[in-house]
Amino acid sequence: MTLLQCYEAIGGNYKSVTSRFGGERLTLKFAFKFIDDPSYKELEDALASGDTEGAFRAAHTLKGVCQNLSFDKLGNSASAVTEALRAGNIVEAKALFPELERNYRETIGTIQELRGAEL
């Protein structure tokens, strides 16, 4: 799998991110670091415990990381959850979370596949 194929598979913007990072080398570095980013787990835990403020912080962070990496599909899901939480609506955020979870798992799985191809 190539980086371009990875971005196509996850609904990301390859051209935008490689332009921003000056090519594939830094893009790969930061995409691989995303696997260890704690934002998703923090969001999941905060939603489970009913912590609207903590969930908002985590969702907002996840959204920002996705925007920086041009993970558009996942970023859009994170944005929807962020906006629900910004409005204080944890019920709506929980209803939107399954889509975010699917997109997150798809993104992580594809990046791990890419990392395996790079080794």
PDB file of N, CA and C in Angstrom:
ATOM      1  N   MET A   1       0.854  -1.185   0.000  1.00  0.00           N
ATOM      2  CA  MET A   1       0.000   0.000   0.000  1.00  0.00           C
ATOM      3  C   MET A   1       0.893   1.238   0.000  1.00  0.00           C
ATOM      4  N   THR A   2       0.499   2.217  -0.779  1.00  0.00           N
ATOM      5  CA  THR A   2       1.219   3.489  -0.804  1.00  0.00           C
ATOM      6  C   THR A   2       0.490   4.498   0.082  1.00  0.00           C
ATOM      7  N   LEU A   3       1.151   5.601   0.362  1.00  0.00           N
ATOM      8  CA  LEU A   3       0.517   6.669   1.138  1.00  0.00           C
ATOM      9  C   LEU A   3      -0.710   7.209   0.404  1.00  0.00           C
ATOM     10  N   LEU A   4      -0.604   7.372  -0.892  1.00  0.00           N
ATOM     11  CA  LEU A   4      -1.748   7.840  -1.682  1.00  0.00           C
ATOM     12  C   LEU A   4      -2.917   6.868  -1.548  1.00  0.00           C
ATOM     13  N   GLN A   5      -2.658   5.581  -1.657  1.00  0.00           N
ATOM     14  CA  GLN A   5      -3.715   4.583  -1.513  1.00  0.00           C
ATOM     15  C   GLN A   5      -4.331   4.625  -0.117  1.00  0.00           C
ATOM     16  N   CYS A   6      -3.504   4.840   0.881  1.00  0.00           N
ATOM     17  CA  CYS A   6      -3.995   4.963   2.253  1.00  0.00           C
ATOM     18  C   CYS A   6      -4.979   6.127   2.357  1.00  0.00           C
ATOM     19  N   TYR A   7      -4.579   7.278   1.848  1.00  0.00           N
ATOM     20  CA  TYR A   7      -5.439   8.460   1.927  1.00  0.00           C
ATOM     21  C   TYR A   7      -6.728   8.269   1.133  1.00  0.00           C
ATOM     22  N   GLU A   8      -6.642   7.614   0.011  1.00  0.00           N
ATOM     23  CA  GLU A   8      -7.856   7.334  -0.761  1.00  0.00           C
ATOM     24  C   GLU A   8      -8.783   6.410   0.015  1.00  0.00           C
ATOM     25  N   ALA A   9      -8.220   5.418   0.684  1.00  0.00           N
ATOM     26  CA  ALA A   9      -9.021   4.440   1.432  1.00  0.00           C
ATOM     27  C   ALA A   9      -9.736   5.056   2.627  1.00  0.00           C
ATOM     28  N   ILE A  10      -9.130   6.061   3.245  1.00  0.00           N
ATOM     29  CA  ILE A  10      -9.716   6.636   4.463  1.00  0.00           C
ATOM     30  C   ILE A  10     -10.472   7.936   4.206  1.00  0.00           C
ATOM     31  N   GLY A  11     -10.578   8.337   2.950  1.00  0.00           N
ATOM     32  CA  GLY A  11     -11.291   9.574   2.641  1.00  0.00           C
ATOM     33  C   GLY A  11     -10.514  10.799   3.071  1.00  0.00           C
ATOM     34  N   GLY A  12      -9.186  10.742   2.873  1.00  0.00           N
ATOM     35  CA  GLY A  12      -8.329  11.866   3.226  1.00  0.00           C
ATOM     36  C   GLY A  12      -7.920  12.648   1.991  1.00  0.00           C
ATOM     37  N   ASN A  13      -7.234  13.744   2.216  1.00  0.00           N
ATOM     38  CA  ASN A  13      -6.803  14.609   1.126  1.00  0.00           C
ATOM     39  C   ASN A  13      -5.282  14.544   1.013  1.00  0.00           C
ATOM     40  N   TYR A  14      -4.814  13.608   0.198  1.00  0.00           N
ATOM     41  CA  TYR A  14      -3.380  13.359   0.006  1.00  0.00           C
ATOM     42  C   TYR A  14      -2.656  14.601  -0.505  1.00  0.00           C
ATOM     43  N   LYS A  15      -3.213  15.244  -1.499  1.00  0.00           N
ATOM     44  CA  LYS A  15      -2.558  16.411  -2.109  1.00  0.00           C
ATOM     45  C   LYS A  15      -2.375  17.533  -1.096  1.00  0.00           C
ATOM     46  N   SER A  16      -3.388  17.780  -0.305  1.00  0.00           N
ATOM     47  CA  SER A  16      -3.330  18.842   0.692  1.00  0.00           C
ATOM     48  C   SER A  16      -2.271  18.559   1.755  1.00  0.00           C
ATOM     49  N   VAL A  17      -2.270  17.348   2.291  1.00  0.00           N
ATOM     50  CA  VAL A  17      -1.358  17.033   3.387  1.00  0.00           C
ATOM     51  C   VAL A  17       0.087  16.972   2.915  1.00  0.00           C
ATOM     52  N   THR A  18       0.342  16.385   1.750  1.00  0.00           N
ATOM     53  CA  THR A  18       1.732  16.316   1.288  1.00  0.00           C
ATOM     54  C   THR A  18       2.244  17.696   0.894  1.00  0.00           C
ATOM     55  N   SER A  19       1.361  18.540   0.439  1.00  0.00           N
ATOM     56  CA  SER A  19       1.749  19.921   0.143  1.00  0.00           C
ATOM     57  C   SER A  19       2.105  20.655   1.440  1.00  0.00           C
ATOM     58  N   ARG A  20       1.281  20.467   2.460  1.00  0.00           N
ATOM     59  CA  ARG A  20       1.501  21.126   3.751  1.00  0.00           C
ATOM     60  C   ARG A  20       2.795  20.670   4.413  1.00  0.00           C
ATOM     61  N   PHE A  21       3.069  19.355   4.347  1.00  0.00           N
ATOM     62  CA  PHE A  21       4.248  18.798   5.014  1.00  0.00           C
ATOM     63  C   PHE A  21       5.470  18.704   4.098  1.00  0.00           C
ATOM     64  N   GLY A  22       5.350  19.161   2.867  1.00  0.00           N
ATOM     65  CA  GLY A  22       6.491  19.171   1.968  1.00  0.00           C
ATOM     66  C   GLY A  22       6.847  17.805   1.409  1.00  0.00           C
ATOM     67  N   GLY A  23       5.885  16.913   1.327  1.00  0.00           N
ATOM     68  CA  GLY A  23       6.130  15.604   0.744  1.00  0.00           C
ATOM     69  C   GLY A  23       5.651  14.476   1.634  1.00  0.00           C
ATOM     70  N   GLU A  24       6.058  13.273   1.253  1.00  0.00           N
ATOM     71  CA  GLU A  24       5.561  12.083   1.943  1.00  0.00           C
ATOM     72  C   GLU A  24       6.287  11.765   3.249  1.00  0.00           C
ATOM     73  N   ARG A  25       7.569  12.123   3.355  1.00  0.00           N
ATOM     74  CA  ARG A  25       8.345  11.714   4.522  1.00  0.00           C
ATOM     75  C   ARG A  25       7.721  12.188   5.836  1.00  0.00           C
ATOM     76  N   LEU A  26       7.453  13.472   5.957  1.00  0.00           N
ATOM     77  CA  LEU A  26       6.840  13.987   7.187  1.00  0.00           C
ATOM     78  C   LEU A  26       5.394  13.543   7.328  1.00  0.00           C
ATOM     79  N   THR A  27       4.701  13.431   6.213  1.00  0.00           N
ATOM     80  CA  THR A  27       3.318  12.963   6.262  1.00  0.00           C
ATOM     81  C   THR A  27       3.266  11.564   6.866  1.00  0.00           C
ATOM     82  N   LEU A  28       4.138  10.680   6.403  1.00  0.00           N
ATOM     83  CA  LEU A  28       4.200   9.324   6.966  1.00  0.00           C
ATOM     84  C   LEU A  28       4.513   9.365   8.453  1.00  0.00           C
ATOM     85  N   LYS A  29       5.481  10.171   8.822  1.00  0.00           N
ATOM     86  CA  LYS A  29       5.892  10.271  10.232  1.00  0.00           C
ATOM     87  C   LYS A  29       4.692  10.635  11.117  1.00  0.00           C
ATOM     88  N   PHE A  30       3.958  11.656  10.717  1.00  0.00           N
ATOM     89  CA  PHE A  30       2.840  12.114  11.544  1.00  0.00           C
ATOM     90  C   PHE A  30       1.627  11.191  11.444  1.00  0.00           C
ATOM     91  N   ALA A  31       1.419  10.576  10.296  1.00  0.00           N
ATOM     92  CA  ALA A  31       0.327   9.607  10.181  1.00  0.00           C
ATOM     93  C   ALA A  31       0.577   8.429  11.119  1.00  0.00           C
ATOM     94  N   PHE A  32       1.818   7.957  11.172  1.00  0.00           N
ATOM     95  CA  PHE A  32       2.144   6.843  12.066  1.00  0.00           C
ATOM     96  C   PHE A  32       2.009   7.258  13.533  1.00  0.00           C
ATOM     97  N   LYS A  33       2.343   8.497  13.859  1.00  0.00           N
ATOM     98  CA  LYS A  33       2.183   8.984  15.231  1.00  0.00           C
ATOM     99  C   LYS A  33       0.710   9.051  15.643  1.00  0.00           C
ATOM    100  N   PHE A  34      -0.169   9.223  14.662  1.00  0.00           N
ATOM    101  CA  PHE A  34      -1.599   9.307  14.956  1.00  0.00           C
ATOM    102  C   PHE A  34      -2.097   8.048  15.653  1.00  0.00           C
ATOM    103  N   ILE A  35      -1.496   6.915  15.351  1.00  0.00           N
ATOM    104  CA  ILE A  35      -1.904   5.651  15.966  1.00  0.00           C
ATOM    105  C   ILE A  35      -1.853   5.741  17.490  1.00  0.00           C
ATOM    106  N   ASP A  36      -0.910   6.497  18.018  1.00  0.00           N
ATOM    107  CA  ASP A  36      -0.734   6.612  19.472  1.00  0.00           C
ATOM    108  C   ASP A  36      -1.396   7.849  20.078  1.00  0.00           C
ATOM    109  N   ASP A  37      -2.077   8.641  19.256  1.00  0.00           N
ATOM    110  CA  ASP A  37      -2.733   9.842  19.777  1.00  0.00           C
ATOM    111  C   ASP A  37      -3.856   9.444  20.743  1.00  0.00           C
ATOM    112  N   PRO A  38      -3.883  10.032  21.948  1.00  0.00           N
ATOM    113  CA  PRO A  38      -4.862   9.617  22.965  1.00  0.00           C
ATOM    114  C   PRO A  38      -6.249  10.250  22.842  1.00  0.00           C
ATOM    115  N   SER A  39      -6.449  11.147  21.918  1.00  0.00           N
ATOM    116  CA  SER A  39      -7.704  11.915  21.853  1.00  0.00           C
ATOM    117  C   SER A  39      -8.942  11.039  21.713  1.00  0.00           C
ATOM    118  N   TYR A  40      -8.877  10.040  20.851  1.00  0.00           N
ATOM    119  CA  TYR A  40     -10.051   9.193  20.635  1.00  0.00           C
ATOM    120  C   TYR A  40     -10.435   8.463  21.924  1.00  0.00           C
ATOM    121  N   LYS A  41      -9.471   7.857  22.581  1.00  0.00           N
ATOM    122  CA  LYS A  41      -9.739   7.115  23.819  1.00  0.00           C
ATOM    123  C   LYS A  41     -10.274   8.064  24.901  1.00  0.00           C
ATOM    124  N   GLU A  42      -9.708   9.251  24.987  1.00  0.00           N
ATOM    125  CA  GLU A  42     -10.197  10.246  25.949  1.00  0.00           C
ATOM    126  C   GLU A  42     -11.642  10.620  25.656  1.00  0.00           C
ATOM    127  N   LEU A  43     -11.975  10.772  24.380  1.00  0.00           N
ATOM    128  CA  LEU A  43     -13.355  11.085  23.999  1.00  0.00           C
ATOM    129  C   LEU A  43     -14.288   9.938  24.366  1.00  0.00           C
ATOM    130  N   GLU A  44     -13.890   8.746  24.028  1.00  0.00           N
ATOM    131  CA  GLU A  44     -14.697   7.562  24.329  1.00  0.00           C
ATOM    132  C   GLU A  44     -14.962   7.448  25.837  1.00  0.00           C
ATOM    133  N   ASP A  45     -13.918   7.625  26.638  1.00  0.00           N
ATOM    134  CA  ASP A  45     -14.050   7.528  28.093  1.00  0.00           C
ATOM    135  C   ASP A  45     -14.921   8.643  28.663  1.00  0.00           C
ATOM    136  N   ALA A  46     -14.730   9.865  28.150  1.00  0.00           N
ATOM    137  CA  ALA A  46     -15.512  11.001  28.653  1.00  0.00           C
ATOM    138  C   ALA A  46     -16.995  10.847  28.304  1.00  0.00           C
ATOM    139  N   LEU A  47     -17.281  10.372  27.109  1.00  0.00           N
ATOM    140  CA  LEU A  47     -18.684  10.138  26.739  1.00  0.00           C
ATOM    141  C   LEU A  47     -19.305   9.066  27.624  1.00  0.00           C
ATOM    142  N   ALA A  48     -18.552   8.008  27.878  1.00  0.00           N
ATOM    143  CA  ALA A  48     -19.060   6.908  28.702  1.00  0.00           C
ATOM    144  C   ALA A  48     -19.357   7.361  30.124  1.00  0.00           C
ATOM    145  N   SER A  49     -18.555   8.297  30.627  1.00  0.00           N
ATOM    146  CA  SER A  49     -18.756   8.761  32.002  1.00  0.00           C
ATOM    147  C   SER A  49     -19.676   9.977  32.092  1.00  0.00           C
ATOM    148  N   GLY A  50     -20.147  10.486  30.936  1.00  0.00           N
ATOM    149  CA  GLY A  50     -21.049  11.636  30.948  1.00  0.00           C
ATOM    150  C   GLY A  50     -20.341  12.967  31.152  1.00  0.00           C
ATOM    151  N   ASP A  51     -19.046  13.012  30.921  1.00  0.00           N
ATOM    152  CA  ASP A  51     -18.242  14.225  31.104  1.00  0.00           C
ATOM    153  C   ASP A  51     -18.279  15.063  29.828  1.00  0.00           C
ATOM    154  N   THR A  52     -19.250  15.948  29.736  1.00  0.00           N
ATOM    155  CA  THR A  52     -19.435  16.756  28.532  1.00  0.00           C
ATOM    156  C   THR A  52     -18.220  17.624  28.244  1.00  0.00           C
ATOM    157  N   GLU A  53     -17.680  18.271  29.261  1.00  0.00           N
ATOM    158  CA  GLU A  53     -16.536  19.169  29.071  1.00  0.00           C
ATOM    159  C   GLU A  53     -15.297  18.391  28.612  1.00  0.00           C
ATOM    160  N   GLY A  54     -15.016  17.274  29.259  1.00  0.00           N
ATOM    161  CA  GLY A  54     -13.882  16.450  28.869  1.00  0.00           C
ATOM    162  C   GLY A  54     -14.053  15.876  27.476  1.00  0.00           C
ATOM    163  N   ALA A  55     -15.272  15.477  27.158  1.00  0.00           N
ATOM    164  CA  ALA A  55     -15.561  14.948  25.827  1.00  0.00           C
ATOM    165  C   ALA A  55     -15.363  16.031  24.774  1.00  0.00           C
ATOM    166  N   PHE A  56     -15.798  17.245  25.081  1.00  0.00           N
ATOM    167  CA  PHE A  56     -15.612  18.353  24.138  1.00  0.00           C
ATOM    168  C   PHE A  56     -14.127  18.586  23.870  1.00  0.00           C
ATOM    169  N   ARG A  57     -13.328  18.647  24.928  1.00  0.00           N
ATOM    170  CA  ARG A  57     -11.887  18.872  24.754  1.00  0.00           C
ATOM    171  C   ARG A  57     -11.264  17.782  23.876  1.00  0.00           C
ATOM    172  N   ALA A  58     -11.613  16.546  24.156  1.00  0.00           N
ATOM    173  CA  ALA A  58     -11.046  15.425  23.401  1.00  0.00           C
ATOM    174  C   ALA A  58     -11.512  15.440  21.945  1.00  0.00           C
ATOM    175  N   ALA A  59     -12.795  15.685  21.727  1.00  0.00           N
ATOM    176  CA  ALA A  59     -13.335  15.721  20.361  1.00  0.00           C
ATOM    177  C   ALA A  59     -12.713  16.866  19.567  1.00  0.00           C
ATOM    178  N   HIS A  60     -12.561  18.002  20.223  1.00  0.00           N
ATOM    179  CA  HIS A  60     -11.976  19.174  19.568  1.00  0.00           C
ATOM    180  C   HIS A  60     -10.514  18.908  19.204  1.00  0.00           C
ATOM    181  N   THR A  61      -9.788  18.258  20.088  1.00  0.00           N
ATOM    182  CA  THR A  61      -8.397  17.898  19.811  1.00  0.00           C
ATOM    183  C   THR A  61      -8.318  16.911  18.653  1.00  0.00           C
ATOM    184  N   LEU A  62      -9.168  15.893  18.681  1.00  0.00           N
ATOM    185  CA  LEU A  62      -9.189  14.903  17.608  1.00  0.00           C
ATOM    186  C   LEU A  62      -9.511  15.575  16.277  1.00  0.00           C
ATOM    187  N   LYS A  63     -10.467  16.466  16.286  1.00  0.00           N
ATOM    188  CA  LYS A  63     -10.834  17.195  15.069  1.00  0.00           C
ATOM    189  C   LYS A  63      -9.635  17.975  14.533  1.00  0.00           C
ATOM    190  N   GLY A  64      -8.917  18.649  15.401  1.00  0.00           N
ATOM    191  CA  GLY A  64      -7.756  19.434  14.989  1.00  0.00           C
ATOM    192  C   GLY A  64      -6.645  18.573  14.409  1.00  0.00           C
ATOM    193  N   VAL A  65      -6.372  17.448  15.044  1.00  0.00           N
ATOM    194  CA  VAL A  65      -5.346  16.532  14.534  1.00  0.00           C
ATOM    195  C   VAL A  65      -5.751  16.027  13.148  1.00  0.00           C
ATOM    196  N   CYS A  66      -7.019  15.679  13.003  1.00  0.00           N
ATOM    197  CA  CYS A  66      -7.510  15.197  11.700  1.00  0.00           C
ATOM    198  C   CYS A  66      -7.393  16.273  10.633  1.00  0.00           C
ATOM    199  N   GLN A  67      -7.689  17.509  10.997  1.00  0.00           N
ATOM    200  CA  GLN A  67      -7.558  18.601  10.030  1.00  0.00           C
ATOM    201  C   GLN A  67      -6.103  18.774   9.618  1.00  0.00           C
ATOM    202  N   ASN A  68      -5.185  18.719  10.577  1.00  0.00           N
ATOM    203  CA  ASN A  68      -3.766  18.862  10.265  1.00  0.00           C
ATOM    204  C   ASN A  68      -3.265  17.751   9.349  1.00  0.00           C
ATOM    205  N   LEU A  69      -3.783  16.546   9.537  1.00  0.00           N
ATOM    206  CA  LEU A  69      -3.355  15.402   8.738  1.00  0.00           C
ATOM    207  C   LEU A  69      -4.220  15.188   7.492  1.00  0.00           C
ATOM    208  N   SER A  70      -5.200  16.041   7.283  1.00  0.00           N
ATOM    209  CA  SER A  70      -6.142  15.932   6.163  1.00  0.00           C
ATOM    210  C   SER A  70      -6.865  14.590   6.146  1.00  0.00           C
ATOM    211  N   PHE A  71      -7.216  14.110   7.332  1.00  0.00           N
ATOM    212  CA  PHE A  71      -8.072  12.934   7.465  1.00  0.00           C
ATOM    213  C   PHE A  71      -9.511  13.448   7.410  1.00  0.00           C
ATOM    214  N   ASP A  72      -9.961  13.802   6.226  1.00  0.00           N
ATOM    215  CA  ASP A  72     -11.212  14.538   6.075  1.00  0.00           C
ATOM    216  C   ASP A  72     -12.437  13.786   6.582  1.00  0.00           C
ATOM    217  N   LYS A  73     -12.554  12.523   6.226  1.00  0.00           N
ATOM    218  CA  LYS A  73     -13.741  11.748   6.628  1.00  0.00           C
ATOM    219  C   LYS A  73     -13.828  11.650   8.154  1.00  0.00           C
ATOM    220  N   LEU A  74     -12.752  11.262   8.796  1.00  0.00           N
ATOM    221  CA  LEU A  74     -12.731  11.178  10.256  1.00  0.00           C
ATOM    222  C   LEU A  74     -12.885  12.558  10.868  1.00  0.00           C
ATOM    223  N   GLY A  75     -12.238  13.547  10.290  1.00  0.00           N
ATOM    224  CA  GLY A  75     -12.342  14.918  10.795  1.00  0.00           C
ATOM    225  C   GLY A  75     -13.762  15.447  10.762  1.00  0.00           C
ATOM    226  N   ASN A  76     -14.508  15.102   9.716  1.00  0.00           N
ATOM    227  CA  ASN A  76     -15.906  15.541   9.639  1.00  0.00           C
ATOM    228  C   ASN A  76     -16.744  14.903  10.745  1.00  0.00           C
ATOM    229  N   SER A  77     -16.479  13.634  11.029  1.00  0.00           N
ATOM    230  CA  SER A  77     -17.189  12.959  12.130  1.00  0.00           C
ATOM    231  C   SER A  77     -16.838  13.599  13.463  1.00  0.00           C
ATOM    232  N   ALA A  78     -15.553  13.871  13.659  1.00  0.00           N
ATOM    233  CA  ALA A  78     -15.105  14.508  14.904  1.00  0.00           C
ATOM    234  C   ALA A  78     -15.689  15.911  15.041  1.00  0.00           C
ATOM    235  N   SER A  79     -15.811  16.601  13.930  1.00  0.00           N
ATOM    236  CA  SER A  79     -16.393  17.948  13.952  1.00  0.00           C
ATOM    237  C   SER A  79     -17.860  17.908  14.374  1.00  0.00           C
ATOM    238  N   ALA A  80     -18.611  16.946  13.859  1.00  0.00           N
ATOM    239  CA  ALA A  80     -20.027  16.835  14.225  1.00  0.00           C
ATOM    240  C   ALA A  80     -20.181  16.569  15.722  1.00  0.00           C
ATOM    241  N   VAL A  81     -19.349  15.688  16.260  1.00  0.00           N
ATOM    242  CA  VAL A  81     -19.396  15.398  17.702  1.00  0.00           C
ATOM    243  C   VAL A  81     -18.969  16.631  18.493  1.00  0.00           C
ATOM    244  N   THR A  82     -17.931  17.308  18.021  1.00  0.00           N
ATOM    245  CA  THR A  82     -17.454  18.522  18.692  1.00  0.00           C
ATOM    246  C   THR A  82     -18.559  19.565  18.788  1.00  0.00           C
ATOM    247  N   GLU A  83     -19.264  19.780  17.700  1.00  0.00           N
ATOM    248  CA  GLU A  83     -20.306  20.815  17.691  1.00  0.00           C
ATOM    249  C   GLU A  83     -21.475  20.443  18.591  1.00  0.00           C
ATOM    250  N   ALA A  84     -21.821  19.167  18.641  1.00  0.00           N
ATOM    251  CA  ALA A  84     -22.882  18.739  19.561  1.00  0.00           C
ATOM    252  C   ALA A  84     -22.451  19.015  21.006  1.00  0.00           C
ATOM    253  N   LEU A  85     -21.209  18.721  21.306  1.00  0.00           N
ATOM    254  CA  LEU A  85     -20.713  18.934  22.672  1.00  0.00           C
ATOM    255  C   LEU A  85     -20.536  20.423  22.978  1.00  0.00           C
ATOM    256  N   ARG A  86     -20.155  21.194  21.986  1.00  0.00           N
ATOM    257  CA  ARG A  86     -20.034  22.648  22.176  1.00  0.00           C
ATOM    258  C   ARG A  86     -21.379  23.222  22.616  1.00  0.00           C
ATOM    259  N   ALA A  87     -22.450  22.643  22.078  1.00  0.00           N
ATOM    260  CA  ALA A  87     -23.811  23.067  22.435  1.00  0.00           C
ATOM    261  C   ALA A  87     -24.278  22.427  23.746  1.00  0.00           C
ATOM    262  N   GLY A  88     -23.420  21.592  24.341  1.00  0.00           N
ATOM    263  CA  GLY A  88     -23.772  20.939  25.600  1.00  0.00           C
ATOM    264  C   GLY A  88     -24.682  19.740  25.440  1.00  0.00           C
ATOM    265  N   ASN A  89     -24.796  19.230  24.225  1.00  0.00           N
ATOM    266  CA  ASN A  89     -25.730  18.144  23.943  1.00  0.00           C
ATOM    267  C   ASN A  89     -24.993  16.806  23.877  1.00  0.00           C
ATOM    268  N   ILE A  90     -24.762  16.221  25.032  1.00  0.00           N
ATOM    269  CA  ILE A  90     -24.040  14.951  25.086  1.00  0.00           C
ATOM    270  C   ILE A  90     -24.869  13.808  24.506  1.00  0.00           C
ATOM    271  N   VAL A  91     -26.183  13.912  24.565  1.00  0.00           N
ATOM    272  CA  VAL A  91     -27.045  12.880  23.980  1.00  0.00           C
ATOM    273  C   VAL A  91     -26.827  12.821  22.469  1.00  0.00           C
ATOM    274  N   GLU A  92     -26.812  13.965  21.823  1.00  0.00           N
ATOM    275  CA  GLU A  92     -26.555  14.007  20.381  1.00  0.00           C
ATOM    276  C   GLU A  92     -25.139  13.521  20.070  1.00  0.00           C
ATOM    277  N   ALA A  93     -24.174  13.932  20.882  1.00  0.00           N
ATOM    278  CA  ALA A  93     -22.788  13.503  20.673  1.00  0.00           C
ATOM    279  C   ALA A  93     -22.675  11.978  20.747  1.00  0.00           C
ATOM    280  N   LYS A  94     -23.362  11.387  21.712  1.00  0.00           N
ATOM    281  CA  LYS A  94     -23.343   9.921  21.833  1.00  0.00           C
ATOM    282  C   LYS A  94     -24.005   9.262  20.630  1.00  0.00           C
ATOM    283  N   ALA A  95     -25.040   9.898  20.086  1.00  0.00           N
ATOM    284  CA  ALA A  95     -25.711   9.358  18.906  1.00  0.00           C
ATOM    285  C   ALA A  95     -24.818   9.448  17.662  1.00  0.00           C
ATOM    286  N   LEU A  96     -23.971  10.461  17.616  1.00  0.00           N
ATOM    287  CA  LEU A  96     -23.058  10.645  16.484  1.00  0.00           C
ATOM    288  C   LEU A  96     -21.779   9.818  16.614  1.00  0.00           C
ATOM    289  N   PHE A  97     -21.483   9.383  17.825  1.00  0.00           N
ATOM    290  CA  PHE A  97     -20.221   8.697  18.088  1.00  0.00           C
ATOM    291  C   PHE A  97     -20.018   7.409  17.290  1.00  0.00           C
ATOM    292  N   PRO A  98     -21.032   6.565  17.051  1.00  0.00           N
ATOM    293  CA  PRO A  98     -20.776   5.333  16.291  1.00  0.00           C
ATOM    294  C   PRO A  98     -20.174   5.576  14.905  1.00  0.00           C
ATOM    295  N   GLU A  99     -20.597   6.623  14.228  1.00  0.00           N
ATOM    296  CA  GLU A  99     -20.007   6.939  12.925  1.00  0.00           C
ATOM    297  C   GLU A  99     -18.540   7.345  13.096  1.00  0.00           C
ATOM    298  N   LEU A 100     -18.266   8.171  14.097  1.00  0.00           N
ATOM    299  CA  LEU A 100     -16.890   8.554  14.375  1.00  0.00           C
ATOM    300  C   LEU A 100     -16.052   7.316  14.690  1.00  0.00           C
ATOM    301  N   GLU A 101     -16.602   6.417  15.483  1.00  0.00           N
ATOM    302  CA  GLU A 101     -15.890   5.194  15.845  1.00  0.00           C
ATOM    303  C   GLU A 101     -15.560   4.357  14.612  1.00  0.00           C
ATOM    304  N   ARG A 102     -16.517   4.191  13.704  1.00  0.00           N
ATOM    305  CA  ARG A 102     -16.276   3.439  12.465  1.00  0.00           C
ATOM    306  C   ARG A 102     -15.158   4.088  11.644  1.00  0.00           C
ATOM    307  N   ASN A 103     -15.241   5.398  11.496  1.00  0.00           N
ATOM    308  CA  ASN A 103     -14.234   6.111  10.710  1.00  0.00           C
ATOM    309  C   ASN A 103     -12.858   6.049  11.382  1.00  0.00           C
ATOM    310  N   TYR A 104     -12.848   6.130  12.699  1.00  0.00           N
ATOM    311  CA  TYR A 104     -11.585   6.039  13.437  1.00  0.00           C
ATOM    312  C   TYR A 104     -10.950   4.664  13.238  1.00  0.00           C
ATOM    313  N   ARG A 105     -11.722   3.622  13.427  1.00  0.00           N
ATOM    314  CA  ARG A 105     -11.191   2.257  13.283  1.00  0.00           C
ATOM    315  C   ARG A 105     -10.700   2.002  11.857  1.00  0.00           C
ATOM    316  N   GLU A 106     -11.431   2.513  10.880  1.00  0.00           N
ATOM    317  CA  GLU A 106     -11.011   2.386   9.490  1.00  0.00           C
ATOM    318  C   GLU A 106      -9.688   3.118   9.265  1.00  0.00           C
ATOM    319  N   THR A 107      -9.580   4.308   9.799  1.00  0.00           N
ATOM    320  CA  THR A 107      -8.364   5.110   9.637  1.00  0.00           C
ATOM    321  C   THR A 107      -7.174   4.427  10.297  1.00  0.00           C
ATOM    322  N   ILE A 108      -7.340   4.027  11.542  1.00  0.00           N
ATOM    323  CA  ILE A 108      -6.251   3.373  12.274  1.00  0.00           C
ATOM    324  C   ILE A 108      -5.847   2.075  11.576  1.00  0.00           C
ATOM    325  N   GLY A 109      -6.798   1.270  11.180  1.00  0.00           N
ATOM    326  CA  GLY A 109      -6.500   0.008  10.509  1.00  0.00           C
ATOM    327  C   GLY A 109      -5.735   0.219   9.210  1.00  0.00           C
ATOM    328  N   THR A 110      -6.125   1.215   8.459  1.00  0.00           N
ATOM    329  CA  THR A 110      -5.465   1.487   7.183  1.00  0.00           C
ATOM    330  C   THR A 110      -4.054   2.019   7.405  1.00  0.00           C
ATOM    331  N   ILE A 111      -3.875   2.868   8.398  1.00  0.00           N
ATOM    332  CA  ILE A 111      -2.532   3.372   8.702  1.00  0.00           C
ATOM    333  C   ILE A 111      -1.635   2.229   9.178  1.00  0.00           C
ATOM    334  N   GLN A 112      -2.177   1.340   9.978  1.00  0.00           N
ATOM    335  CA  GLN A 112      -1.381   0.188  10.423  1.00  0.00           C
ATOM    336  C   GLN A 112      -1.001  -0.697   9.234  1.00  0.00           C
ATOM    337  N   GLU A 113      -1.915  -0.853   8.295  1.00  0.00           N
ATOM    338  CA  GLU A 113      -1.609  -1.617   7.086  1.00  0.00           C
ATOM    339  C   GLU A 113      -0.493  -0.926   6.302  1.00  0.00           C
ATOM    340  N   LEU A 114      -0.569   0.384   6.182  1.00  0.00           N
ATOM    341  CA  LEU A 114       0.473   1.148   5.506  1.00  0.00           C
ATOM    342  C   LEU A 114       1.807   0.992   6.216  1.00  0.00           C
ATOM    343  N   ARG A 115       1.794   1.073   7.537  1.00  0.00           N
ATOM    344  CA  ARG A 115       3.033   0.942   8.304  1.00  0.00           C
ATOM    345  C   ARG A 115       3.641  -0.445   8.086  1.00  0.00           C
ATOM    346  N   GLY A 116       2.815  -1.459   8.029  1.00  0.00           N
ATOM    347  CA  GLY A 116       3.310  -2.818   7.755  1.00  0.00           C
ATOM    348  C   GLY A 116       3.954  -2.908   6.377  1.00  0.00           C
ATOM    349  N   ALA A 117       3.392  -2.206   5.409  1.00  0.00           N
ATOM    350  CA  ALA A 117       3.930  -2.199   4.043  1.00  0.00           C
ATOM    351  C   ALA A 117       5.247  -1.430   3.990  1.00  0.00           C
ATOM    352  N   GLU A 118       5.426  -0.461   4.903  1.00  0.00           N
ATOM    353  CA  GLU A 118       6.640   0.361   4.914  1.00  0.00           C
ATOM    354  C   GLU A 118       7.821  -0.358   5.541  1.00  0.00           C
ATOM    355  N   LEU A 119       7.558  -1.357   6.401  1.00  0.00           N
ATOM    356  CA  LEU A 119       8.647  -2.044   7.100  1.00  0.00           C
ATOM    357  C   LEU A 119       9.417  -2.975   6.213  1.00  0.00           C
TER     358      LEU A 119
END
